[in-house]
Amino acid sequence: MTAATGTPGRREIQEAIRHALRPGPPPPYPELVALERTLLLVIAKLYGVVERQQRGEAADGRGRARMNSIRYQTSVGLGDGLMSAHMQVRALARDCQWLAEQHSAGTVDISGGGQ
């Protein structure tokens, strides 16, 4: 994480997404908690940027629906079970990927550190 903003850097973001989407059995629950925390920080940073971007453009219904879905997904929490936590972290990672794709390819440095 960058010291100035407390936001994960690019490498940390990419690693968190890769780790969350890795096939196989779920990692231990404490790892899922850490992944969720990182992914939620990234989503919080990207969400506002993409939302403003879409407001400035003629956003289609699918984009608005996905943004609403992401807002809901971030409020769900991990739950008590390992499998539900694993599925939630995977969903958050896919949301991060989608937001990053919507974000205008590197025009705004979300990490605050240019990593």
PDB file of N, CA and C in Angstrom:
ATOM      1  N   MET A   1       0.845  -1.174   0.000  1.00  0.00           N
ATOM      2  CA  MET A   1       0.000   0.000   0.000  1.00  0.00           C
ATOM      3  C   MET A   1       0.886   1.229   0.000  1.00  0.00           C
ATOM      4  N   THR A   2       0.414   2.237  -0.662  1.00  0.00           N
ATOM      5  CA  THR A   2       1.179   3.469  -0.667  1.00  0.00           C
ATOM      6  C   THR A   2       0.995   4.167   0.674  1.00  0.00           C
ATOM      7  N   ALA A   3       2.062   4.723   1.166  1.00  0.00           N
ATOM      8  CA  ALA A   3       2.023   5.346   2.485  1.00  0.00           C
ATOM      9  C   ALA A   3       1.117   6.562   2.513  1.00  0.00           C
ATOM     10  N   ALA A   4       1.123   7.323   1.435  1.00  0.00           N
ATOM     11  CA  ALA A   4       0.371   8.578   1.418  1.00  0.00           C
ATOM     12  C   ALA A   4      -1.140   8.365   1.422  1.00  0.00           C
ATOM     13  N   THR A   5      -1.618   7.338   0.729  1.00  0.00           N
ATOM     14  CA  THR A   5      -3.058   7.188   0.571  1.00  0.00           C
ATOM     15  C   THR A   5      -3.642   5.970   1.260  1.00  0.00           C
ATOM     16  N   GLY A   6      -2.815   4.990   1.628  1.00  0.00           N
ATOM     17  CA  GLY A   6      -3.343   3.763   2.198  1.00  0.00           C
ATOM     18  C   GLY A   6      -4.027   2.896   1.153  1.00  0.00           C
ATOM     19  N   THR A   7      -3.878   3.274  -0.129  1.00  0.00           N
ATOM     20  CA  THR A   7      -4.481   2.530  -1.232  1.00  0.00           C
ATOM     21  C   THR A   7      -3.453   1.569  -1.785  1.00  0.00           C
ATOM     22  N   PRO A   8      -3.863   0.349  -2.116  1.00  0.00           N
ATOM     23  CA  PRO A   8      -2.914  -0.608  -2.690  1.00  0.00           C
ATOM     24  C   PRO A   8      -2.314  -0.081  -3.989  1.00  0.00           C
ATOM     25  N   GLY A   9      -1.047  -0.404  -4.227  1.00  0.00           N
ATOM     26  CA  GLY A   9      -0.384  -0.053  -5.477  1.00  0.00           C
ATOM     27  C   GLY A   9      -0.807  -1.010  -6.589  1.00  0.00           C
ATOM     28  N   ARG A  10      -0.424  -0.677  -7.813  1.00  0.00           N
ATOM     29  CA  ARG A  10      -0.828  -1.491  -8.971  1.00  0.00           C
ATOM     30  C   ARG A  10      -0.428  -2.947  -8.837  1.00  0.00           C
ATOM     31  N   ARG A  11       0.813  -3.185  -8.440  1.00  0.00           N
ATOM     32  CA  ARG A  11       1.271  -4.582  -8.311  1.00  0.00           C
ATOM     33  C   ARG A  11       0.462  -5.327  -7.259  1.00  0.00           C
ATOM     34  N   GLU A  12       0.195  -4.656  -6.160  1.00  0.00           N
ATOM     35  CA  GLU A  12      -0.593  -5.278  -5.092  1.00  0.00           C
ATOM     36  C   GLU A  12      -2.023  -5.559  -5.569  1.00  0.00           C
ATOM     37  N   ILE A  13      -2.583  -4.646  -6.348  1.00  0.00           N
ATOM     38  CA  ILE A  13      -3.922  -4.839  -6.902  1.00  0.00           C
ATOM     39  C   ILE A  13      -3.949  -6.043  -7.832  1.00  0.00           C
ATOM     40  N   GLN A  14      -2.994  -6.084  -8.752  1.00  0.00           N
ATOM     41  CA  GLN A  14      -2.928  -7.200  -9.701  1.00  0.00           C
ATOM     42  C   GLN A  14      -2.737  -8.532  -8.975  1.00  0.00           C
ATOM     43  N   GLU A  15      -1.878  -8.533  -7.975  1.00  0.00           N
ATOM     44  CA  GLU A  15      -1.631  -9.757  -7.210  1.00  0.00           C
ATOM     45  C   GLU A  15      -2.884 -10.189  -6.445  1.00  0.00           C
ATOM     46  N   ALA A  16      -3.592  -9.230  -5.853  1.00  0.00           N
ATOM     47  CA  ALA A  16      -4.822  -9.560  -5.112  1.00  0.00           C
ATOM     48  C   ALA A  16      -5.870 -10.167  -6.041  1.00  0.00           C
ATOM     49  N   ILE A  17      -6.034  -9.582  -7.218  1.00  0.00           N
ATOM     50  CA  ILE A  17      -7.003 -10.118  -8.181  1.00  0.00           C
ATOM     51  C   ILE A  17      -6.585 -11.506  -8.633  1.00  0.00           C
ATOM     52  N   ARG A  18      -5.309 -11.649  -8.963  1.00  0.00           N
ATOM     53  CA  ARG A  18      -4.811 -12.957  -9.408  1.00  0.00           C
ATOM     54  C   ARG A  18      -5.007 -14.016  -8.320  1.00  0.00           C
ATOM     55  N   HIS A  19      -4.688 -13.645  -7.095  1.00  0.00           N
ATOM     56  CA  HIS A  19      -4.816 -14.577  -5.971  1.00  0.00           C
ATOM     57  C   HIS A  19      -6.284 -14.937  -5.731  1.00  0.00           C
ATOM     58  N   ALA A  20      -7.163 -13.946  -5.812  1.00  0.00           N
ATOM     59  CA  ALA A  20      -8.590 -14.194  -5.571  1.00  0.00           C
ATOM     60  C   ALA A  20      -9.198 -15.094  -6.635  1.00  0.00           C
ATOM     61  N   LEU A  21      -8.715 -14.987  -7.864  1.00  0.00           N
ATOM     62  CA  LEU A  21      -9.294 -15.762  -8.970  1.00  0.00           C
ATOM     63  C   LEU A  21      -8.539 -17.062  -9.255  1.00  0.00           C
ATOM     64  N   ARG A  22      -7.538 -17.353  -8.459  1.00  0.00           N
ATOM     65  CA  ARG A  22      -6.762 -18.581  -8.657  1.00  0.00           C
ATOM     66  C   ARG A  22      -7.669 -19.794  -8.462  1.00  0.00           C
ATOM     67  N   PRO A  23      -7.599 -20.731  -9.410  1.00  0.00           N
ATOM     68  CA  PRO A  23      -8.418 -21.939  -9.256  1.00  0.00           C
ATOM     69  C   PRO A  23      -7.905 -22.798  -8.105  1.00  0.00           C
ATOM     70  N   GLY A  24      -8.763 -23.663  -7.642  1.00  0.00           N
ATOM     71  CA  GLY A  24      -8.372 -24.573  -6.574  1.00  0.00           C
ATOM     72  C   GLY A  24      -9.146 -24.311  -5.309  1.00  0.00           C
ATOM     73  N   PRO A  25      -8.716 -24.968  -4.248  1.00  0.00           N
ATOM     74  CA  PRO A  25      -9.429 -24.807  -2.970  1.00  0.00           C
ATOM     75  C   PRO A  25      -9.240 -23.396  -2.429  1.00  0.00           C
ATOM     76  N   PRO A  26     -10.176 -22.958  -1.612  1.00  0.00           N
ATOM     77  CA  PRO A  26     -10.070 -21.603  -1.058  1.00  0.00           C
ATOM     78  C   PRO A  26      -8.893 -21.478  -0.103  1.00  0.00           C
ATOM     79  N   PRO A  27      -8.312 -20.289  -0.048  1.00  0.00           N
ATOM     80  CA  PRO A  27      -7.265 -20.055   0.953  1.00  0.00           C
ATOM     81  C   PRO A  27      -7.892 -19.980   2.344  1.00  0.00           C
ATOM     82  N   PRO A  28      -7.083 -19.976   3.382  1.00  0.00           N
ATOM     83  CA  PRO A  28      -7.624 -19.850   4.740  1.00  0.00           C
ATOM     84  C   PRO A  28      -8.443 -18.564   4.895  1.00  0.00           C
ATOM     85  N   TYR A  29      -9.404 -18.606   5.796  1.00  0.00           N
ATOM     86  CA  TYR A  29     -10.315 -17.480   6.008  1.00  0.00           C
ATOM     87  C   TYR A  29      -9.590 -16.158   6.266  1.00  0.00           C
ATOM     88  N   PRO A  30      -8.525 -16.132   7.101  1.00  0.00           N
ATOM     89  CA  PRO A  30      -7.827 -14.856   7.323  1.00  0.00           C
ATOM     90  C   PRO A  30      -7.262 -14.259   6.023  1.00  0.00           C
ATOM     91  N   GLU A  31      -6.822 -15.097   5.103  1.00  0.00           N
ATOM     92  CA  GLU A  31      -6.347 -14.594   3.807  1.00  0.00           C
ATOM     93  C   GLU A  31      -7.491 -13.980   3.010  1.00  0.00           C
ATOM     94  N   LEU A  32      -8.651 -14.604   3.087  1.00  0.00           N
ATOM     95  CA  LEU A  32      -9.826 -14.068   2.384  1.00  0.00           C
ATOM     96  C   LEU A  32     -10.222 -12.708   2.956  1.00  0.00           C
ATOM     97  N   VAL A  33     -10.107 -12.565   4.273  1.00  0.00           N
ATOM     98  CA  VAL A  33     -10.414 -11.282   4.909  1.00  0.00           C
ATOM     99  C   VAL A  33      -9.458 -10.208   4.389  1.00  0.00           C
ATOM    100  N   ALA A  34      -8.178 -10.530   4.297  1.00  0.00           N
ATOM    101  CA  ALA A  34      -7.185  -9.572   3.794  1.00  0.00           C
ATOM    102  C   ALA A  34      -7.443  -9.244   2.324  1.00  0.00           C
ATOM    103  N   LEU A  35      -7.766 -10.251   1.525  1.00  0.00           N
ATOM    104  CA  LEU A  35      -8.083 -10.015   0.116  1.00  0.00           C
ATOM    105  C   LEU A  35      -9.311  -9.121  -0.024  1.00  0.00           C
ATOM    106  N   GLU A  36     -10.337  -9.409   0.779  1.00  0.00           N
ATOM    107  CA  GLU A  36     -11.554  -8.590   0.720  1.00  0.00           C
ATOM    108  C   GLU A  36     -11.222  -7.135   1.024  1.00  0.00           C
ATOM    109  N   ARG A  37     -10.429  -6.910   2.043  1.00  0.00           N
ATOM    110  CA  ARG A  37     -10.068  -5.546   2.448  1.00  0.00           C
ATOM    111  C   ARG A  37      -9.362  -4.828   1.292  1.00  0.00           C
ATOM    112  N   THR A  38      -8.407  -5.490   0.670  1.00  0.00           N
ATOM    113  CA  THR A  38      -7.674  -4.894  -0.453  1.00  0.00           C
ATOM    114  C   THR A  38      -8.606  -4.605  -1.622  1.00  0.00           C
ATOM    115  N   LEU A  39      -9.437  -5.577  -1.978  1.00  0.00           N
ATOM    116  CA  LEU A  39     -10.339  -5.413  -3.116  1.00  0.00           C
ATOM    117  C   LEU A  39     -11.361  -4.309  -2.860  1.00  0.00           C
ATOM    118  N   LEU A  40     -11.858  -4.205  -1.636  1.00  0.00           N
ATOM    119  CA  LEU A  40     -12.819  -3.140  -1.320  1.00  0.00           C
ATOM    120  C   LEU A  40     -12.178  -1.755  -1.417  1.00  0.00           C
ATOM    121  N   LEU A  41     -10.920  -1.633  -1.022  1.00  0.00           N
ATOM    122  CA  LEU A  41     -10.207  -0.356  -1.168  1.00  0.00           C
ATOM    123  C   LEU A  41     -10.091   0.028  -2.642  1.00  0.00           C
ATOM    124  N   VAL A  42      -9.767  -0.952  -3.474  1.00  0.00           N
ATOM    125  CA  VAL A  42      -9.619  -0.704  -4.906  1.00  0.00           C
ATOM    126  C   VAL A  42     -10.964  -0.322  -5.517  1.00  0.00           C
ATOM    127  N   ILE A  43     -11.992  -1.071  -5.163  1.00  0.00           N
ATOM    128  CA  ILE A  43     -13.329  -0.781  -5.690  1.00  0.00           C
ATOM    129  C   ILE A  43     -13.765   0.618  -5.279  1.00  0.00           C
ATOM    130  N   ALA A  44     -13.526   0.981  -4.031  1.00  0.00           N
ATOM    131  CA  ALA A  44     -13.922   2.313  -3.551  1.00  0.00           C
ATOM    132  C   ALA A  44     -13.240   3.401  -4.377  1.00  0.00           C
ATOM    133  N   LYS A  45     -11.990   3.201  -4.705  1.00  0.00           N
ATOM    134  CA  LYS A  45     -11.243   4.196  -5.476  1.00  0.00           C
ATOM    135  C   LYS A  45     -11.731   4.245  -6.924  1.00  0.00           C
ATOM    136  N   LEU A  46     -11.897   3.093  -7.541  1.00  0.00           N
ATOM    137  CA  LEU A  46     -12.300   3.041  -8.950  1.00  0.00           C
ATOM    138  C   LEU A  46     -13.764   3.387  -9.165  1.00  0.00           C
ATOM    139  N   TYR A  47     -14.607   3.022  -8.227  1.00  0.00           N
ATOM    140  CA  TYR A  47     -16.054   3.194  -8.395  1.00  0.00           C
ATOM    141  C   TYR A  47     -16.406   4.659  -8.677  1.00  0.00           C
ATOM    142  N   GLY A  48     -15.889   5.550  -7.863  1.00  0.00           N
ATOM    143  CA  GLY A  48     -16.192   6.970  -8.044  1.00  0.00           C
ATOM    144  C   GLY A  48     -15.705   7.499  -9.383  1.00  0.00           C
ATOM    145  N   VAL A  49     -14.515   7.067  -9.791  1.00  0.00           N
ATOM    146  CA  VAL A  49     -13.958   7.511 -11.067  1.00  0.00           C
ATOM    147  C   VAL A  49     -14.826   7.026 -12.220  1.00  0.00           C
ATOM    148  N   VAL A  50     -15.172   5.744 -12.206  1.00  0.00           N
ATOM    149  CA  VAL A  50     -15.978   5.171 -13.292  1.00  0.00           C
ATOM    150  C   VAL A  50     -17.383   5.765 -13.272  1.00  0.00           C
ATOM    151  N   GLU A  51     -17.931   5.978 -12.091  1.00  0.00           N
ATOM    152  CA  GLU A  51     -19.265   6.572 -11.997  1.00  0.00           C
ATOM    153  C   GLU A  51     -19.284   7.978 -12.619  1.00  0.00           C
ATOM    154  N   ARG A  52     -18.285   8.780 -12.297  1.00  0.00           N
ATOM    155  CA  ARG A  52     -18.195  10.125 -12.897  1.00  0.00           C
ATOM    156  C   ARG A  52     -18.008  10.037 -14.407  1.00  0.00           C
ATOM    157  N   GLN A  53     -17.205   9.086 -14.821  1.00  0.00           N
ATOM    158  CA  GLN A  53     -16.961   8.871 -16.245  1.00  0.00           C
ATOM    159  C   GLN A  53     -18.267   8.533 -16.961  1.00  0.00           C
ATOM    160  N   GLN A  54     -19.043   7.626 -16.374  1.00  0.00           N
ATOM    161  CA  GLN A  54     -20.294   7.211 -16.993  1.00  0.00           C
ATOM    162  C   GLN A  54     -21.315   8.342 -16.981  1.00  0.00           C
ATOM    163  N   ARG A  55     -21.294   9.151 -15.937  1.00  0.00           N
ATOM    164  CA  ARG A  55     -22.214  10.279 -15.877  1.00  0.00           C
ATOM    165  C   ARG A  55     -21.929  11.268 -16.994  1.00  0.00           C
ATOM    166  N   GLY A  56     -20.638  11.429 -17.324  1.00  0.00           N
ATOM    167  CA  GLY A  56     -20.236  12.349 -18.370  1.00  0.00           C
ATOM    168  C   GLY A  56     -20.507  11.812 -19.768  1.00  0.00           C
ATOM    169  N   GLU A  57     -20.693  10.514 -19.861  1.00  0.00           N
ATOM    170  CA  GLU A  57     -20.973   9.878 -21.149  1.00  0.00           C
ATOM    171  C   GLU A  57     -22.422   9.422 -21.152  1.00  0.00           C
ATOM    172  N   ALA A  58     -22.846   8.928 -22.262  1.00  0.00           N
ATOM    173  CA  ALA A  58     -24.181   8.328 -22.334  1.00  0.00           C
ATOM    174  C   ALA A  58     -24.027   6.863 -21.934  1.00  0.00           C
ATOM    175  N   ALA A  59     -24.051   6.590 -20.640  1.00  0.00           N
ATOM    176  CA  ALA A  59     -23.867   5.223 -20.149  1.00  0.00           C
ATOM    177  C   ALA A  59     -25.072   4.365 -20.521  1.00  0.00           C
ATOM    178  N   ASP A  60     -24.772   3.151 -20.977  1.00  0.00           N
ATOM    179  CA  ASP A  60     -25.871   2.252 -21.327  1.00  0.00           C
ATOM    180  C   ASP A  60     -26.452   1.616 -20.069  1.00  0.00           C
ATOM    181  N   GLY A  61     -27.586   0.985 -20.219  1.00  0.00           N
ATOM    182  CA  GLY A  61     -28.267   0.355 -19.086  1.00  0.00           C
ATOM    183  C   GLY A  61     -27.448  -0.733 -18.442  1.00  0.00           C
ATOM    184  N   ARG A  62     -26.661  -1.455 -19.244  1.00  0.00           N
ATOM    185  CA  ARG A  62     -25.824  -2.530 -18.679  1.00  0.00           C
ATOM    186  C   ARG A  62     -24.776  -1.965 -17.741  1.00  0.00           C
ATOM    187  N   GLY A  63     -24.180  -0.837 -18.129  1.00  0.00           N
ATOM    188  CA  GLY A  63     -23.165  -0.217 -17.277  1.00  0.00           C
ATOM    189  C   GLY A  63     -23.752   0.231 -15.956  1.00  0.00           C
ATOM    190  N   ARG A  64     -24.911   0.862 -16.013  1.00  0.00           N
ATOM    191  CA  ARG A  64     -25.573   1.297 -14.768  1.00  0.00           C
ATOM    192  C   ARG A  64     -25.954   0.092 -13.915  1.00  0.00           C
ATOM    193  N   ALA A  65     -26.451  -0.953 -14.564  1.00  0.00           N
ATOM    194  CA  ALA A  65     -26.836  -2.165 -13.820  1.00  0.00           C
ATOM    195  C   ALA A  65     -25.619  -2.795 -13.147  1.00  0.00           C
ATOM    196  N   ARG A  66     -24.491  -2.820 -13.844  1.00  0.00           N
ATOM    197  CA  ARG A  66     -23.281  -3.404 -13.260  1.00  0.00           C
ATOM    198  C   ARG A  66     -22.796  -2.561 -12.089  1.00  0.00           C
ATOM    199  N   MET A  67     -22.876  -1.244 -12.225  1.00  0.00           N
ATOM    200  CA  MET A  67     -22.470  -0.369 -11.125  1.00  0.00           C
ATOM    201  C   MET A  67     -23.367  -0.598  -9.909  1.00  0.00           C
ATOM    202  N   ASN A  68     -24.661  -0.759 -10.117  1.00  0.00           N
ATOM    203  CA  ASN A  68     -25.580  -1.062  -9.011  1.00  0.00           C
ATOM    204  C   ASN A  68     -25.246  -2.407  -8.382  1.00  0.00           C
ATOM    205  N   SER A  69     -24.919  -3.383  -9.221  1.00  0.00           N
ATOM    206  CA  SER A  69     -24.550  -4.708  -8.731  1.00  0.00           C
ATOM    207  C   SER A  69     -23.283  -4.636  -7.872  1.00  0.00           C
ATOM    208  N   ILE A  70     -22.321  -3.861  -8.320  1.00  0.00           N
ATOM    209  CA  ILE A  70     -21.071  -3.709  -7.557  1.00  0.00           C
ATOM    210  C   ILE A  70     -21.354  -3.038  -6.216  1.00  0.00           C
ATOM    211  N   ARG A  71     -22.180  -2.016  -6.227  1.00  0.00           N
ATOM    212  CA  ARG A  71     -22.532  -1.340  -4.965  1.00  0.00           C
ATOM    213  C   ARG A  71     -23.159  -2.335  -3.986  1.00  0.00           C
ATOM    214  N   TYR A  72     -24.052  -3.185  -4.487  1.00  0.00           N
ATOM    215  CA  TYR A  72     -24.663  -4.209  -3.633  1.00  0.00           C
ATOM    216  C   TYR A  72     -23.609  -5.198  -3.145  1.00  0.00           C
ATOM    217  N   GLN A  73     -22.788  -5.681  -4.069  1.00  0.00           N
ATOM    218  CA  GLN A  73     -21.793  -6.716  -3.757  1.00  0.00           C
ATOM    219  C   GLN A  73     -20.835  -6.253  -2.657  1.00  0.00           C
ATOM    220  N   THR A  74     -20.504  -4.971  -2.651  1.00  0.00           N
ATOM    221  CA  THR A  74     -19.571  -4.464  -1.647  1.00  0.00           C
ATOM    222  C   THR A  74     -20.202  -4.367  -0.261  1.00  0.00           C
ATOM    223  N   SER A  75     -21.513  -4.447  -0.192  1.00  0.00           N
ATOM    224  CA  SER A  75     -22.186  -4.350   1.099  1.00  0.00           C
ATOM    225  C   SER A  75     -22.519  -5.709   1.707  1.00  0.00           C
ATOM    226  N   VAL A  76     -22.278  -6.774   0.973  1.00  0.00           N
ATOM    227  CA  VAL A  76     -22.690  -8.112   1.404  1.00  0.00           C
ATOM    228  C   VAL A  76     -21.841  -8.661   2.538  1.00  0.00           C
ATOM    229  N   GLY A  77     -20.541  -8.480   2.481  1.00  0.00           N
ATOM    230  CA  GLY A  77     -19.651  -9.065   3.481  1.00  0.00           C
ATOM    231  C   GLY A  77     -19.294 -10.492   3.129  1.00  0.00           C
ATOM    232  N   LEU A  78     -18.372 -11.062   3.872  1.00  0.00           N
ATOM    233  CA  LEU A  78     -17.861 -12.396   3.557  1.00  0.00           C
ATOM    234  C   LEU A  78     -18.765 -13.532   4.023  1.00  0.00           C
ATOM    235  N   GLY A  79     -19.504 -13.331   5.063  1.00  0.00           N
ATOM    236  CA  GLY A  79     -20.272 -14.438   5.622  1.00  0.00           C
ATOM    237  C   GLY A  79     -19.400 -15.287   6.529  1.00  0.00           C
ATOM    238  N   ASP A  80     -19.995 -16.324   7.094  1.00  0.00           N
ATOM    239  CA  ASP A  80     -19.285 -17.143   8.073  1.00  0.00           C
ATOM    240  C   ASP A  80     -18.549 -18.326   7.472  1.00  0.00           C
ATOM    241  N   GLY A  81     -19.027 -18.845   6.360  1.00  0.00           N
ATOM    242  CA  GLY A  81     -18.444 -20.048   5.788  1.00  0.00           C
ATOM    243  C   GLY A  81     -17.276 -19.753   4.866  1.00  0.00           C
ATOM    244  N   LEU A  82     -16.359 -20.701   4.780  1.00  0.00           N
ATOM    245  CA  LEU A  82     -15.180 -20.563   3.937  1.00  0.00           C
ATOM    246  C   LEU A  82     -15.557 -20.475   2.461  1.00  0.00           C
ATOM    247  N   MET A  83     -16.474 -21.315   2.022  1.00  0.00           N
ATOM    248  CA  MET A  83     -16.850 -21.319   0.603  1.00  0.00           C
ATOM    249  C   MET A  83     -17.587 -20.028   0.223  1.00  0.00           C
ATOM    250  N   SER A  84     -18.481 -19.558   1.074  1.00  0.00           N
ATOM    251  CA  SER A  84     -19.190 -18.316   0.740  1.00  0.00           C
ATOM    252  C   SER A  84     -18.214 -17.142   0.727  1.00  0.00           C
ATOM    253  N   ALA A  85     -17.254 -17.137   1.641  1.00  0.00           N
ATOM    254  CA  ALA A  85     -16.244 -16.079   1.659  1.00  0.00           C
ATOM    255  C   ALA A  85     -15.395 -16.133   0.392  1.00  0.00           C
ATOM    256  N   HIS A  86     -15.049 -17.340  -0.022  1.00  0.00           N
ATOM    257  CA  HIS A  86     -14.251 -17.523  -1.245  1.00  0.00           C
ATOM    258  C   HIS A  86     -15.018 -17.009  -2.465  1.00  0.00           C
ATOM    259  N   MET A  87     -16.285 -17.341  -2.554  1.00  0.00           N
ATOM    260  CA  MET A  87     -17.100 -16.893  -3.683  1.00  0.00           C
ATOM    261  C   MET A  87     -17.254 -15.367  -3.672  1.00  0.00           C
ATOM    262  N   GLN A  88     -17.401 -14.782  -2.499  1.00  0.00           N
ATOM    263  CA  GLN A  88     -17.536 -13.332  -2.379  1.00  0.00           C
ATOM    264  C   GLN A  88     -16.262 -12.631  -2.829  1.00  0.00           C
ATOM    265  N   VAL A  89     -15.115 -13.132  -2.407  1.00  0.00           N
ATOM    266  CA  VAL A  89     -13.838 -12.529  -2.796  1.00  0.00           C
ATOM    267  C   VAL A  89     -13.644 -12.643  -4.310  1.00  0.00           C
ATOM    268  N   ARG A  90     -14.030 -13.775  -4.879  1.00  0.00           N
ATOM    269  CA  ARG A  90     -13.922 -13.945  -6.344  1.00  0.00           C
ATOM    270  C   ARG A  90     -14.830 -12.937  -7.062  1.00  0.00           C
ATOM    271  N   ALA A  91     -16.026 -12.726  -6.544  1.00  0.00           N
ATOM    272  CA  ALA A  91     -16.942 -11.760  -7.151  1.00  0.00           C
ATOM    273  C   ALA A  91     -16.357 -10.341  -7.065  1.00  0.00           C
ATOM    274  N   LEU A  92     -15.769 -10.003  -5.928  1.00  0.00           N
ATOM    275  CA  LEU A  92     -15.155  -8.682  -5.778  1.00  0.00           C
ATOM    276  C   LEU A  92     -13.981  -8.512  -6.743  1.00  0.00           C
ATOM    277  N   ALA A  93     -13.210  -9.569  -6.944  1.00  0.00           N
ATOM    278  CA  ALA A  93     -12.083  -9.503  -7.878  1.00  0.00           C
ATOM    279  C   ALA A  93     -12.584  -9.271  -9.304  1.00  0.00           C
ATOM    280  N   ARG A  94     -13.662  -9.947  -9.681  1.00  0.00           N
ATOM    281  CA  ARG A  94     -14.232  -9.724 -11.024  1.00  0.00           C
ATOM    282  C   ARG A  94     -14.777  -8.294 -11.147  1.00  0.00           C
ATOM    283  N   ASP A  95     -15.348  -7.774 -10.072  1.00  0.00           N
ATOM    284  CA  ASP A  95     -15.816  -6.384 -10.085  1.00  0.00           C
ATOM    285  C   ASP A  95     -14.638  -5.427 -10.269  1.00  0.00           C
ATOM    286  N   CYS A  96     -13.532  -5.700  -9.592  1.00  0.00           N
ATOM    287  CA  CYS A  96     -12.327  -4.874  -9.765  1.00  0.00           C
ATOM    288  C   CYS A  96     -11.859  -4.901 -11.211  1.00  0.00           C
ATOM    289  N   GLN A  97     -11.856  -6.085 -11.798  1.00  0.00           N
ATOM    290  CA  GLN A  97     -11.434  -6.206 -13.197  1.00  0.00           C
ATOM    291  C   GLN A  97     -12.344  -5.381 -14.105  1.00  0.00           C
ATOM    292  N   TRP A  98     -13.642  -5.481 -13.892  1.00  0.00           N
ATOM    293  CA  TRP A  98     -14.585  -4.754 -14.739  1.00  0.00           C
ATOM    294  C   TRP A  98     -14.395  -3.251 -14.580  1.00  0.00           C
ATOM    295  N   LEU A  99     -14.267  -2.793 -13.340  1.00  0.00           N
ATOM    296  CA  LEU A  99     -14.068  -1.368 -13.107  1.00  0.00           C
ATOM    297  C   LEU A  99     -12.770  -0.888 -13.763  1.00  0.00           C
ATOM    298  N   ALA A 100     -11.725  -1.697 -13.662  1.00  0.00           N
ATOM    299  CA  ALA A 100     -10.449  -1.326 -14.283  1.00  0.00           C
ATOM    300  C   ALA A 100     -10.596  -1.234 -15.800  1.00  0.00           C
ATOM    301  N   GLU A 101     -11.369  -2.137 -16.388  1.00  0.00           N
ATOM    302  CA  GLU A 101     -11.605  -2.090 -17.832  1.00  0.00           C
ATOM    303  C   GLU A 101     -12.383  -0.837 -18.218  1.00  0.00           C
ATOM    304  N   GLN A 102     -13.320  -0.440 -17.379  1.00  0.00           N
ATOM    305  CA  GLN A 102     -14.116   0.745 -17.659  1.00  0.00           C
ATOM    306  C   GLN A 102     -13.313   2.027 -17.452  1.00  0.00           C
ATOM    307  N   HIS A 103     -12.399   1.939 -16.539  1.00  0.00           N
ATOM    308  CA  HIS A 103     -11.538   3.080 -16.234  1.00  0.00           C
ATOM    309  C   HIS A 103     -10.728   3.391 -17.487  1.00  0.00           C
ATOM    310  N   SER A 104     -10.551   4.621 -17.785  1.00  0.00           N
ATOM    311  CA  SER A 104      -9.845   4.992 -19.013  1.00  0.00           C
ATOM    312  C   SER A 104      -8.363   4.650 -18.897  1.00  0.00           C
ATOM    313  N   ALA A 105      -8.011   3.551 -19.421  1.00  0.00           N
ATOM    314  CA  ALA A 105      -6.695   2.899 -19.453  1.00  0.00           C
ATOM    315  C   ALA A 105      -5.523   3.736 -18.952  1.00  0.00           C
ATOM    316  N   GLY A 106      -5.446   3.856 -17.642  1.00  0.00           N
ATOM    317  CA  GLY A 106      -4.280   4.476 -17.019  1.00  0.00           C
ATOM    318  C   GLY A 106      -4.254   5.998 -17.044  1.00  0.00           C
ATOM    319  N   THR A 107      -5.344   6.667 -17.387  1.00  0.00           N
ATOM    320  CA  THR A 107      -5.304   8.133 -17.408  1.00  0.00           C
ATOM    321  C   THR A 107      -5.333   8.725 -16.009  1.00  0.00           C
ATOM    322  N   VAL A 108      -5.881   7.979 -15.065  1.00  0.00           N
ATOM    323  CA  VAL A 108      -5.877   8.439 -13.680  1.00  0.00           C
ATOM    324  C   VAL A 108      -5.155   7.387 -12.868  1.00  0.00           C
ATOM    325  N   ASP A 109      -4.152   7.772 -12.092  1.00  0.00           N
ATOM    326  CA  ASP A 109      -3.399   6.847 -11.275  1.00  0.00           C
ATOM    327  C   ASP A 109      -4.162   6.572  -9.995  1.00  0.00           C
ATOM    328  N   ILE A 110      -4.793   5.396  -9.924  1.00  0.00           N
ATOM    329  CA  ILE A 110      -5.623   5.077  -8.758  1.00  0.00           C
ATOM    330  C   ILE A 110      -4.803   4.723  -7.543  1.00  0.00           C
ATOM    331  N   SER A 111      -3.535   4.363  -7.739  1.00  0.00           N
ATOM    332  CA  SER A 111      -2.736   3.904  -6.605  1.00  0.00           C
ATOM    333  C   SER A 111      -2.132   5.053  -5.823  1.00  0.00           C
ATOM    334  N   GLY A 112      -2.030   6.220  -6.438  1.00  0.00           N
ATOM    335  CA  GLY A 112      -1.397   7.332  -5.763  1.00  0.00           C
ATOM    336  C   GLY A 112       0.107   7.195  -5.705  1.00  0.00           C
ATOM    337  N   GLY A 113       0.648   6.097  -6.297  1.00  0.00           N
ATOM    338  CA  GLY A 113       2.087   5.877  -6.208  1.00  0.00           C
ATOM    339  C   GLY A 113       2.746   5.571  -7.527  1.00  0.00           C
ATOM    340  N   GLY A 114       2.010   5.465  -8.600  1.00  0.00           N
ATOM    341  CA  GLY A 114       2.572   5.249  -9.909  1.00  0.00           C
ATOM    342  C   GLY A 114       3.393   3.981 -10.049  1.00  0.00           C
ATOM    343  N   GLN A 115       3.079   2.944  -9.293  1.00  0.00           N
ATOM    344  CA  GLN A 115       3.845   1.698  -9.349  1.00  0.00           C
ATOM    345  C   GLN A 115       3.611   0.963 -10.623  1.00  0.00           C
TER     346      GLN A 115
END
